[in-house]
N, C-alpha and C. Protein backbone atom coordinates (compact mmCIF):
# COMPACT_ATOMS: atom_id res chain seq x y z
N MET A 1 -19.17 -14.16 27.15
CA MET A 1 -19.59 -13.36 26.03
C MET A 1 -20.50 -12.35 26.49
N SER A 2 -20.19 -11.16 26.32
CA SER A 2 -21.13 -9.99 26.60
C SER A 2 -22.09 -9.83 25.51
N ASP A 3 -23.37 -9.41 25.91
CA ASP A 3 -24.43 -9.08 24.92
C ASP A 3 -24.25 -7.74 24.34
N LYS A 4 -23.41 -6.87 25.04
CA LYS A 4 -23.39 -5.44 24.56
C LYS A 4 -21.97 -5.20 23.91
N PRO A 5 -22.02 -4.41 22.74
CA PRO A 5 -20.70 -4.21 22.14
C PRO A 5 -19.93 -3.28 23.10
N VAL A 6 -18.58 -3.56 22.91
CA VAL A 6 -17.65 -2.76 23.75
C VAL A 6 -17.33 -1.47 23.24
N ARG A 7 -17.52 -1.16 22.04
CA ARG A 7 -17.28 0.10 21.40
C ARG A 7 -18.37 0.48 20.42
N PRO A 8 -18.49 1.76 19.94
CA PRO A 8 -19.47 2.12 19.10
C PRO A 8 -19.31 1.44 17.71
N PRO A 9 -20.33 1.28 17.01
CA PRO A 9 -20.29 0.67 15.58
C PRO A 9 -19.25 1.40 14.71
N PRO A 10 -18.50 0.67 13.87
CA PRO A 10 -17.59 1.38 13.06
C PRO A 10 -18.50 2.08 11.87
N ASN A 11 -17.82 3.05 11.35
CA ASN A 11 -18.37 3.79 10.20
C ASN A 11 -18.29 2.95 8.94
N ARG A 12 -17.21 2.15 8.92
CA ARG A 12 -16.95 1.43 7.64
C ARG A 12 -16.28 0.09 8.00
N ILE A 13 -16.74 -1.04 7.38
CA ILE A 13 -16.14 -2.35 7.43
C ILE A 13 -15.82 -2.70 6.08
N ARG A 14 -14.44 -3.03 5.86
CA ARG A 14 -13.96 -3.32 4.64
C ARG A 14 -13.28 -4.74 4.68
N ILE A 15 -13.74 -5.49 3.64
CA ILE A 15 -13.15 -6.90 3.49
C ILE A 15 -12.07 -6.93 2.45
N THR A 16 -10.99 -7.45 2.82
CA THR A 16 -9.85 -7.64 1.85
C THR A 16 -9.25 -9.04 1.99
N ARG A 17 -8.40 -9.44 0.97
CA ARG A 17 -7.61 -10.54 1.10
C ARG A 17 -6.55 -10.22 2.20
N MET A 18 -6.18 -11.26 2.94
CA MET A 18 -5.20 -11.02 3.95
C MET A 18 -3.84 -10.59 3.36
N SER A 19 -3.34 -9.55 4.02
CA SER A 19 -1.90 -8.99 3.50
C SER A 19 -0.92 -9.28 4.61
N GLU A 20 0.35 -9.12 4.28
CA GLU A 20 1.39 -9.33 5.21
C GLU A 20 1.23 -8.43 6.47
N GLY A 21 0.87 -7.05 6.15
CA GLY A 21 0.73 -6.09 7.18
C GLY A 21 -0.39 -6.35 8.24
N GLN A 22 -1.26 -7.37 7.93
CA GLN A 22 -2.28 -7.67 8.86
C GLN A 22 -2.11 -8.98 9.61
N LEU A 23 -0.85 -9.57 9.31
CA LEU A 23 -0.68 -10.87 10.01
C LEU A 23 -0.58 -10.82 11.51
N ALA A 24 0.02 -9.85 12.05
CA ALA A 24 0.28 -9.70 13.53
C ALA A 24 -1.06 -9.59 14.17
N ASP A 25 -1.96 -8.74 13.64
CA ASP A 25 -3.32 -8.64 14.08
C ASP A 25 -4.16 -9.97 14.06
N VAL A 26 -4.06 -10.67 12.95
CA VAL A 26 -4.76 -11.88 12.80
C VAL A 26 -4.26 -12.86 13.86
N VAL A 27 -2.88 -13.02 14.09
CA VAL A 27 -2.35 -13.84 15.04
C VAL A 27 -2.92 -13.42 16.50
N ARG A 28 -2.98 -12.13 16.68
CA ARG A 28 -3.54 -11.66 18.13
C ARG A 28 -4.99 -12.11 18.26
N ILE A 29 -5.77 -11.94 17.18
CA ILE A 29 -7.16 -12.39 17.25
C ILE A 29 -7.31 -13.90 17.47
N GLU A 30 -6.46 -14.67 16.84
CA GLU A 30 -6.43 -16.14 17.12
C GLU A 30 -6.16 -16.41 18.57
N ALA A 31 -5.12 -15.76 19.05
CA ALA A 31 -4.88 -15.91 20.55
C ALA A 31 -5.97 -15.56 21.41
N SER A 32 -6.78 -14.47 21.08
CA SER A 32 -7.92 -14.07 21.92
C SER A 32 -9.00 -15.06 21.87
N ALA A 33 -9.19 -15.60 20.59
CA ALA A 33 -10.27 -16.63 20.54
C ALA A 33 -9.85 -17.95 21.42
N LYS A 34 -8.61 -18.24 21.46
CA LYS A 34 -8.21 -19.42 22.36
C LYS A 34 -8.58 -19.13 23.80
N GLU A 35 -8.28 -17.89 24.13
CA GLU A 35 -8.63 -17.57 25.61
C GLU A 35 -10.19 -17.70 25.82
N ASP A 36 -10.99 -17.25 24.80
CA ASP A 36 -12.40 -17.29 24.99
C ASP A 36 -12.85 -18.80 25.13
N PHE A 37 -12.29 -19.61 24.22
CA PHE A 37 -12.63 -21.04 24.25
C PHE A 37 -12.17 -21.75 25.54
N GLN A 38 -10.97 -21.34 26.13
CA GLN A 38 -10.51 -21.86 27.31
C GLN A 38 -11.41 -21.44 28.54
N ARG A 39 -11.86 -20.31 28.42
CA ARG A 39 -12.71 -19.79 29.45
C ARG A 39 -13.98 -20.66 29.63
N HIS A 40 -14.38 -21.16 28.46
CA HIS A 40 -15.50 -21.99 28.39
C HIS A 40 -15.24 -23.48 28.46
N LYS A 41 -14.07 -23.81 28.80
CA LYS A 41 -13.45 -25.20 28.92
C LYS A 41 -13.66 -25.97 27.57
N ILE A 42 -13.34 -25.30 26.48
CA ILE A 42 -13.33 -25.87 25.16
C ILE A 42 -11.87 -25.85 24.69
N SER A 43 -11.34 -27.07 24.40
CA SER A 43 -10.03 -27.17 23.91
C SER A 43 -9.99 -27.02 22.39
N VAL A 44 -9.23 -25.99 21.92
CA VAL A 44 -9.09 -25.83 20.42
C VAL A 44 -7.66 -25.51 20.33
N PRO A 45 -7.09 -25.91 19.16
CA PRO A 45 -5.63 -25.56 18.84
C PRO A 45 -5.71 -24.07 18.31
N VAL A 46 -4.61 -23.49 18.59
CA VAL A 46 -4.42 -22.12 18.17
C VAL A 46 -3.33 -22.10 16.98
N ARG A 47 -3.65 -21.45 15.98
CA ARG A 47 -2.70 -21.40 14.90
C ARG A 47 -1.61 -20.33 15.14
N GLU A 48 -0.45 -20.68 14.87
CA GLU A 48 0.69 -19.69 15.06
C GLU A 48 0.75 -19.09 13.62
N LEU A 49 1.75 -18.09 13.62
CA LEU A 49 1.94 -17.32 12.36
C LEU A 49 2.19 -18.08 11.13
N ALA A 50 3.10 -19.07 11.25
CA ALA A 50 3.49 -19.91 10.02
C ALA A 50 2.25 -20.69 9.59
N GLU A 51 1.38 -21.15 10.42
CA GLU A 51 0.19 -22.01 9.96
C GLU A 51 -0.77 -21.10 9.34
N ILE A 52 -1.00 -19.87 9.90
CA ILE A 52 -1.94 -18.83 9.23
C ILE A 52 -1.43 -18.49 7.87
N VAL A 53 -0.13 -18.18 7.71
CA VAL A 53 0.42 -17.98 6.37
C VAL A 53 0.17 -19.07 5.40
N SER A 54 0.45 -20.31 5.81
CA SER A 54 0.37 -21.38 4.95
C SER A 54 -1.16 -21.60 4.53
N MET A 55 -2.09 -21.18 5.30
CA MET A 55 -3.48 -21.31 4.91
C MET A 55 -3.78 -20.47 3.62
N THR A 56 -2.97 -19.56 3.29
CA THR A 56 -3.24 -18.77 2.08
C THR A 56 -3.04 -19.54 0.82
N ARG A 57 -2.30 -20.70 0.86
CA ARG A 57 -2.14 -21.56 -0.19
C ARG A 57 -3.34 -22.36 -0.66
N ASP A 58 -4.23 -22.78 0.22
CA ASP A 58 -5.23 -23.58 -0.13
C ASP A 58 -6.67 -23.05 0.42
N HIS A 59 -6.58 -21.88 0.98
CA HIS A 59 -7.84 -21.25 1.57
C HIS A 59 -8.04 -19.88 0.95
N ASN A 60 -9.17 -19.36 1.00
CA ASN A 60 -9.45 -17.93 0.69
C ASN A 60 -9.47 -17.36 2.13
N VAL A 61 -8.40 -16.50 2.30
CA VAL A 61 -8.34 -15.82 3.66
C VAL A 61 -8.70 -14.41 3.50
N LYS A 62 -9.65 -13.98 4.26
CA LYS A 62 -10.18 -12.56 4.22
C LYS A 62 -10.08 -11.99 5.56
N VAL A 63 -9.81 -10.69 5.56
CA VAL A 63 -9.72 -9.91 6.68
C VAL A 63 -10.69 -8.71 6.74
N ALA A 64 -11.25 -8.55 7.85
CA ALA A 64 -12.25 -7.35 8.11
C ALA A 64 -11.49 -6.25 8.74
N GLU A 65 -11.54 -5.09 8.24
CA GLU A 65 -11.07 -3.86 8.83
C GLU A 65 -12.17 -3.03 9.13
N ALA A 66 -12.38 -2.59 10.38
CA ALA A 66 -13.38 -1.69 10.81
C ALA A 66 -12.70 -0.36 11.10
N ASP A 67 -13.09 0.58 10.29
CA ASP A 67 -12.41 1.96 10.42
C ASP A 67 -10.77 1.84 10.42
N ASP A 68 -10.32 1.01 9.38
CA ASP A 68 -8.94 0.79 9.23
C ASP A 68 -8.19 0.00 10.27
N GLU A 69 -8.87 -0.68 11.18
CA GLU A 69 -8.33 -1.50 12.23
C GLU A 69 -8.84 -2.95 11.91
N VAL A 70 -7.84 -3.86 12.05
CA VAL A 70 -8.17 -5.28 11.81
C VAL A 70 -9.14 -5.68 12.94
N ALA A 71 -10.25 -6.20 12.49
CA ALA A 71 -11.43 -6.55 13.40
C ALA A 71 -11.69 -7.99 13.45
N GLY A 72 -11.38 -8.69 12.35
CA GLY A 72 -11.75 -10.08 12.32
C GLY A 72 -11.15 -10.80 10.98
N TRP A 73 -11.30 -12.06 10.95
CA TRP A 73 -10.81 -12.78 9.74
C TRP A 73 -11.66 -14.11 9.56
N LEU A 74 -11.52 -14.56 8.30
CA LEU A 74 -12.07 -15.92 8.07
C LEU A 74 -11.23 -16.61 6.97
N ALA A 75 -11.24 -17.92 6.96
CA ALA A 75 -10.64 -18.80 6.00
C ALA A 75 -11.59 -19.78 5.50
N TRP A 76 -11.76 -19.98 4.19
CA TRP A 76 -12.55 -20.96 3.65
C TRP A 76 -11.95 -21.55 2.38
N ARG A 77 -12.54 -22.73 2.03
CA ARG A 77 -11.97 -23.36 0.77
C ARG A 77 -13.15 -24.08 0.14
N ASP A 78 -13.02 -24.30 -1.23
CA ASP A 78 -13.86 -25.16 -2.03
C ASP A 78 -13.48 -26.65 -1.73
N GLU A 79 -14.33 -27.55 -1.34
CA GLU A 79 -14.09 -28.81 -1.12
C GLU A 79 -15.08 -29.77 -1.89
N SER A 80 -14.56 -30.98 -2.13
CA SER A 80 -15.53 -31.94 -2.66
C SER A 80 -16.64 -32.13 -1.76
N PRO A 81 -17.80 -32.31 -2.25
CA PRO A 81 -18.42 -32.43 -3.63
C PRO A 81 -18.83 -31.17 -4.24
N GLY A 82 -18.14 -29.96 -4.05
CA GLY A 82 -18.54 -28.75 -4.50
C GLY A 82 -19.26 -28.02 -3.41
N ILE A 83 -18.62 -27.75 -2.25
CA ILE A 83 -19.16 -27.12 -1.14
C ILE A 83 -18.16 -26.19 -0.53
N ALA A 84 -18.62 -25.07 0.03
CA ALA A 84 -17.67 -24.09 0.68
C ALA A 84 -17.49 -24.54 2.18
N HIS A 85 -16.25 -24.88 2.48
CA HIS A 85 -15.96 -25.28 3.87
C HIS A 85 -15.36 -23.98 4.61
N LEU A 86 -16.17 -23.52 5.48
CA LEU A 86 -15.72 -22.38 6.42
C LEU A 86 -14.88 -22.95 7.52
N ASP A 87 -13.53 -22.73 7.49
CA ASP A 87 -12.66 -23.32 8.38
C ASP A 87 -12.53 -22.43 9.62
N THR A 88 -12.47 -21.17 9.48
CA THR A 88 -12.18 -20.20 10.59
C THR A 88 -13.09 -18.96 10.37
N LEU A 89 -13.60 -18.46 11.42
CA LEU A 89 -14.33 -17.16 11.53
C LEU A 89 -14.13 -16.66 12.98
N LEU A 90 -13.31 -15.64 13.03
CA LEU A 90 -12.99 -15.13 14.28
C LEU A 90 -13.11 -13.56 14.15
N VAL A 91 -13.43 -13.01 15.23
CA VAL A 91 -13.59 -11.50 15.38
C VAL A 91 -12.91 -11.11 16.76
N GLU A 92 -12.19 -9.97 16.67
CA GLU A 92 -11.57 -9.35 17.73
C GLU A 92 -12.63 -9.08 18.83
N PRO A 93 -12.46 -9.43 20.15
CA PRO A 93 -13.50 -9.20 21.13
C PRO A 93 -14.11 -7.85 21.14
N SER A 94 -13.34 -6.80 21.01
CA SER A 94 -13.92 -5.46 21.19
C SER A 94 -14.76 -5.11 19.93
N PHE A 95 -14.76 -5.89 18.82
CA PHE A 95 -15.55 -5.63 17.68
C PHE A 95 -16.68 -6.52 17.55
N ARG A 96 -16.94 -7.37 18.46
CA ARG A 96 -18.03 -8.31 18.39
C ARG A 96 -19.35 -7.55 18.55
N ARG A 97 -20.40 -8.18 17.84
CA ARG A 97 -21.75 -7.61 17.91
C ARG A 97 -21.73 -6.26 17.16
N LEU A 98 -20.88 -5.98 16.33
CA LEU A 98 -20.91 -4.72 15.51
C LEU A 98 -20.98 -4.91 14.00
N GLY A 99 -21.31 -6.16 13.60
CA GLY A 99 -21.55 -6.48 12.10
C GLY A 99 -20.27 -7.04 11.51
N VAL A 100 -19.21 -7.18 12.20
CA VAL A 100 -17.95 -7.58 11.45
C VAL A 100 -18.17 -9.11 11.02
N ALA A 101 -18.60 -10.05 11.74
CA ALA A 101 -18.73 -11.40 11.29
C ALA A 101 -19.82 -11.50 10.28
N ARG A 102 -20.84 -10.72 10.41
CA ARG A 102 -21.90 -10.82 9.38
C ARG A 102 -21.33 -10.30 7.96
N LYS A 103 -20.49 -9.29 8.02
CA LYS A 103 -19.91 -8.75 6.78
C LYS A 103 -18.96 -9.89 6.19
N LEU A 104 -18.18 -10.52 7.04
CA LEU A 104 -17.26 -11.68 6.57
C LEU A 104 -18.06 -12.71 5.93
N VAL A 105 -19.18 -13.20 6.61
CA VAL A 105 -19.92 -14.29 6.01
C VAL A 105 -20.68 -13.76 4.69
N ALA A 106 -21.13 -12.60 4.66
CA ALA A 106 -21.64 -12.09 3.39
C ALA A 106 -20.59 -12.16 2.25
N GLU A 107 -19.42 -11.81 2.58
CA GLU A 107 -18.20 -11.94 1.50
C GLU A 107 -18.10 -13.37 1.10
N LEU A 108 -18.10 -14.17 2.07
CA LEU A 108 -17.93 -15.72 1.78
C LEU A 108 -19.11 -16.11 0.85
N ARG A 109 -20.33 -15.73 1.17
CA ARG A 109 -21.45 -16.16 0.38
C ARG A 109 -21.31 -15.60 -1.00
N ASP A 110 -20.93 -14.41 -1.19
CA ASP A 110 -20.79 -13.83 -2.50
C ASP A 110 -19.73 -14.59 -3.28
N GLU A 111 -18.59 -14.95 -2.71
CA GLU A 111 -17.55 -15.56 -3.38
C GLU A 111 -17.90 -17.09 -3.67
N ALA A 112 -18.51 -17.79 -2.80
CA ALA A 112 -19.07 -19.10 -2.93
C ALA A 112 -20.08 -19.17 -4.17
N ARG A 113 -21.08 -18.23 -4.14
CA ARG A 113 -22.08 -18.11 -5.15
C ARG A 113 -21.38 -17.94 -6.51
N GLY A 114 -20.36 -17.01 -6.56
CA GLY A 114 -19.70 -16.83 -7.80
C GLY A 114 -19.03 -18.02 -8.37
N LEU A 115 -18.69 -19.04 -7.46
CA LEU A 115 -18.07 -20.25 -7.88
C LEU A 115 -19.04 -21.41 -7.98
N ARG A 116 -20.32 -21.03 -7.83
CA ARG A 116 -21.50 -21.93 -8.02
C ARG A 116 -21.46 -23.11 -6.96
N LEU A 117 -21.01 -22.55 -5.80
CA LEU A 117 -21.08 -23.57 -4.59
C LEU A 117 -22.29 -23.25 -3.83
N PRO A 118 -23.27 -24.13 -3.78
CA PRO A 118 -24.57 -23.86 -3.26
C PRO A 118 -24.65 -23.87 -1.70
N GLN A 119 -23.76 -24.53 -0.93
CA GLN A 119 -23.82 -24.56 0.39
C GLN A 119 -22.43 -24.09 1.09
N ILE A 120 -22.60 -23.74 2.39
CA ILE A 120 -21.44 -23.72 3.22
C ILE A 120 -21.52 -24.58 4.34
N VAL A 121 -20.45 -25.14 4.86
CA VAL A 121 -20.47 -25.95 6.03
C VAL A 121 -19.36 -25.39 7.05
N ILE A 122 -19.67 -25.58 8.33
CA ILE A 122 -18.63 -25.20 9.29
C ILE A 122 -18.78 -26.21 10.47
N VAL A 123 -17.79 -26.63 11.06
CA VAL A 123 -17.78 -27.48 12.26
C VAL A 123 -17.47 -26.60 13.51
N VAL A 124 -18.35 -26.70 14.52
CA VAL A 124 -18.34 -25.91 15.69
C VAL A 124 -18.34 -26.65 16.90
N PRO A 125 -17.52 -26.32 17.94
CA PRO A 125 -17.76 -27.04 19.28
C PRO A 125 -19.07 -26.90 19.73
N GLU A 126 -19.68 -28.00 20.19
CA GLU A 126 -21.07 -27.92 20.75
C GLU A 126 -21.19 -26.92 21.86
N LYS A 127 -20.14 -26.90 22.78
CA LYS A 127 -20.20 -25.92 23.90
C LYS A 127 -20.05 -24.45 23.46
N ALA A 128 -19.73 -24.10 22.25
CA ALA A 128 -19.46 -22.71 21.78
C ALA A 128 -20.85 -22.08 21.42
N SER A 129 -21.72 -22.05 22.44
CA SER A 129 -23.11 -21.52 22.29
C SER A 129 -23.11 -20.18 21.64
N TRP A 130 -22.12 -19.26 21.90
CA TRP A 130 -22.10 -17.89 21.14
C TRP A 130 -21.93 -18.04 19.72
N ALA A 131 -21.05 -18.94 19.25
CA ALA A 131 -20.78 -19.10 17.86
C ALA A 131 -21.93 -19.75 17.21
N ARG A 132 -22.51 -20.77 17.84
CA ARG A 132 -23.79 -21.41 17.29
C ARG A 132 -24.94 -20.38 17.18
N ALA A 133 -25.07 -19.46 18.13
CA ALA A 133 -26.13 -18.48 18.16
C ALA A 133 -25.87 -17.48 16.99
N PHE A 134 -24.72 -16.99 16.85
CA PHE A 134 -24.41 -16.11 15.70
C PHE A 134 -24.78 -16.87 14.38
N LEU A 135 -24.21 -18.01 14.24
CA LEU A 135 -24.34 -18.74 12.91
C LEU A 135 -25.73 -19.00 12.70
N THR A 136 -26.53 -19.36 13.68
CA THR A 136 -27.98 -19.66 13.47
C THR A 136 -28.62 -18.26 12.93
N SER A 137 -28.22 -17.13 13.63
CA SER A 137 -28.85 -15.92 13.12
C SER A 137 -28.38 -15.58 11.71
N ALA A 138 -27.27 -16.09 11.29
CA ALA A 138 -26.80 -15.87 9.94
C ALA A 138 -27.19 -16.84 8.95
N GLY A 139 -28.27 -17.65 9.33
CA GLY A 139 -28.87 -18.60 8.46
C GLY A 139 -28.27 -19.98 8.44
N PHE A 140 -27.52 -20.36 9.30
CA PHE A 140 -26.86 -21.77 9.44
C PHE A 140 -27.89 -22.56 10.21
N ALA A 141 -27.89 -23.91 9.93
CA ALA A 141 -28.58 -24.85 10.57
C ALA A 141 -27.83 -26.09 10.94
N VAL A 142 -28.24 -26.89 11.91
CA VAL A 142 -27.53 -28.15 12.25
C VAL A 142 -27.84 -29.05 11.01
N ALA A 143 -26.72 -29.70 10.55
CA ALA A 143 -26.88 -30.69 9.44
C ALA A 143 -27.50 -31.96 10.00
N ASP A 144 -28.42 -32.46 9.19
CA ASP A 144 -29.14 -33.72 9.54
C ASP A 144 -29.50 -34.50 8.27
N ASP A 145 -30.34 -35.46 8.38
CA ASP A 145 -30.58 -36.34 7.26
C ASP A 145 -31.54 -35.57 6.28
N LYS A 146 -32.05 -34.37 6.59
CA LYS A 146 -32.87 -33.58 5.73
C LYS A 146 -31.96 -32.39 5.03
N SER A 147 -30.66 -32.38 5.33
CA SER A 147 -29.87 -31.44 4.74
C SER A 147 -29.65 -31.76 3.34
N PRO A 148 -29.20 -30.74 2.50
CA PRO A 148 -29.07 -30.97 1.04
C PRO A 148 -28.01 -32.03 0.80
N ASP A 149 -28.17 -32.65 -0.31
CA ASP A 149 -27.39 -33.79 -0.67
C ASP A 149 -25.89 -33.54 -0.54
N ARG A 150 -25.41 -32.32 -0.99
CA ARG A 150 -23.91 -32.02 -0.99
C ARG A 150 -23.43 -31.86 0.40
N VAL A 151 -24.18 -31.44 1.30
CA VAL A 151 -23.91 -31.35 2.70
C VAL A 151 -23.66 -32.78 3.27
N GLN A 152 -24.65 -33.64 2.99
CA GLN A 152 -24.46 -35.01 3.45
C GLN A 152 -23.42 -35.80 2.75
N GLU A 153 -23.10 -35.51 1.47
CA GLU A 153 -21.99 -36.08 0.82
C GLU A 153 -20.68 -35.60 1.29
N TRP A 154 -20.64 -34.39 1.69
CA TRP A 154 -19.35 -33.83 2.30
C TRP A 154 -19.03 -34.65 3.54
N LEU A 155 -20.03 -34.55 4.48
CA LEU A 155 -19.96 -35.32 5.63
C LEU A 155 -19.48 -36.82 5.57
N VAL A 156 -20.09 -37.42 4.56
CA VAL A 156 -19.57 -38.89 4.29
C VAL A 156 -18.06 -38.94 3.93
N GLU A 157 -17.69 -37.99 3.05
CA GLU A 157 -16.31 -37.94 2.51
C GLU A 157 -15.39 -37.77 3.67
N GLN A 158 -15.79 -36.73 4.59
CA GLN A 158 -14.99 -36.34 5.72
C GLN A 158 -14.79 -37.56 6.67
N ARG A 159 -15.93 -38.24 7.01
CA ARG A 159 -15.88 -39.46 7.77
C ARG A 159 -14.97 -40.57 7.15
N GLU A 160 -14.93 -40.75 5.88
CA GLU A 160 -14.24 -41.64 5.15
C GLU A 160 -12.69 -41.28 5.30
N ALA A 161 -12.37 -40.02 5.35
CA ALA A 161 -11.06 -39.49 5.46
C ALA A 161 -10.67 -39.29 6.97
N GLU A 162 -11.62 -39.85 7.87
CA GLU A 162 -11.34 -39.67 9.35
C GLU A 162 -11.11 -38.20 9.76
N ALA A 163 -11.95 -37.35 9.11
CA ALA A 163 -11.98 -35.96 9.41
C ALA A 163 -13.39 -35.47 9.72
N GLY A 164 -13.67 -34.13 9.70
CA GLY A 164 -14.99 -33.71 9.95
C GLY A 164 -15.19 -33.64 11.37
N PRO A 165 -16.54 -33.46 11.82
CA PRO A 165 -16.95 -33.27 13.24
C PRO A 165 -16.62 -34.51 13.98
N THR A 166 -16.10 -34.22 15.21
CA THR A 166 -15.77 -35.34 16.19
C THR A 166 -16.68 -35.13 17.27
N ASP A 167 -16.53 -36.08 18.33
CA ASP A 167 -17.37 -35.95 19.55
C ASP A 167 -17.23 -34.55 20.12
N GLY A 168 -18.32 -33.88 20.47
CA GLY A 168 -18.30 -32.59 21.03
C GLY A 168 -18.30 -31.47 20.01
N GLU A 169 -18.54 -31.79 18.73
CA GLU A 169 -18.54 -30.87 17.63
C GLU A 169 -19.89 -31.14 16.88
N VAL A 170 -20.30 -29.96 16.26
CA VAL A 170 -21.52 -30.12 15.38
C VAL A 170 -21.23 -29.42 14.10
N LEU A 171 -21.82 -30.12 13.04
CA LEU A 171 -21.72 -29.53 11.76
C LEU A 171 -22.97 -28.63 11.41
N LEU A 172 -22.69 -27.43 10.96
CA LEU A 172 -23.68 -26.51 10.57
C LEU A 172 -23.60 -26.24 9.12
N TRP A 173 -24.65 -25.87 8.51
CA TRP A 173 -24.69 -25.59 7.08
C TRP A 173 -25.53 -24.43 6.71
N ALA A 174 -25.31 -23.79 5.64
CA ALA A 174 -26.21 -22.65 5.14
C ALA A 174 -26.06 -22.63 3.67
N ALA A 175 -27.19 -22.17 3.09
CA ALA A 175 -27.19 -21.84 1.70
C ALA A 175 -26.38 -20.69 1.37
N THR A 176 -25.75 -20.59 0.14
CA THR A 176 -25.07 -19.43 -0.23
C THR A 176 -25.93 -18.41 -0.74
C-alpha cells in the first residue's frame, strides 16, 4: 500500500445506491482487492457478479463515484441486536487516500443513525494493517469487554451461530 495518492483528488465524490451500470466496476474493484490481500498473504474470498447482485436483497449497497468514475463501494446491513454490520468496504487502488472510503463510511453512519443503530461493526483480517489503520482513523476501535453492550451482544450472537470473527480476524466497532 502506497502512502501517496496515485491521482489528484476528485472534485466531487457522490454516493448512490448501486445500479446495474456500476456492476462491472464493482466486480473489478472486488478483484483488485483480492490481489491486494494475496500480496499480503491474506486469504479472502472474492465475490463474483451474481453474489454481489444478490447482496442487494439483504444489504444496503452503496457506490462512490469520484468525478463520475466508480471509485469504491460498501455493503452493510442492520443485524440483531440492532447494530450496523459493515460487510464490505473497498476502494479502487488509484482512488485510495483521496477521501472515497471516508465518504462511504460517512454515508453509512448517516443511514445507520437514521435507523437508530448506535454502533457499526466490521470484521477485518489482523494482517490487513492498511484497513485497520484507515478504520482506526475513521473512529473504529478493537472490540473488547469495555465495548458497548450491543457490540458485545452481536459478538455473542455471531459465535452462537458459528459466525463472526475467526482466527486471524479482529472485530472493530464505531459509534454512528
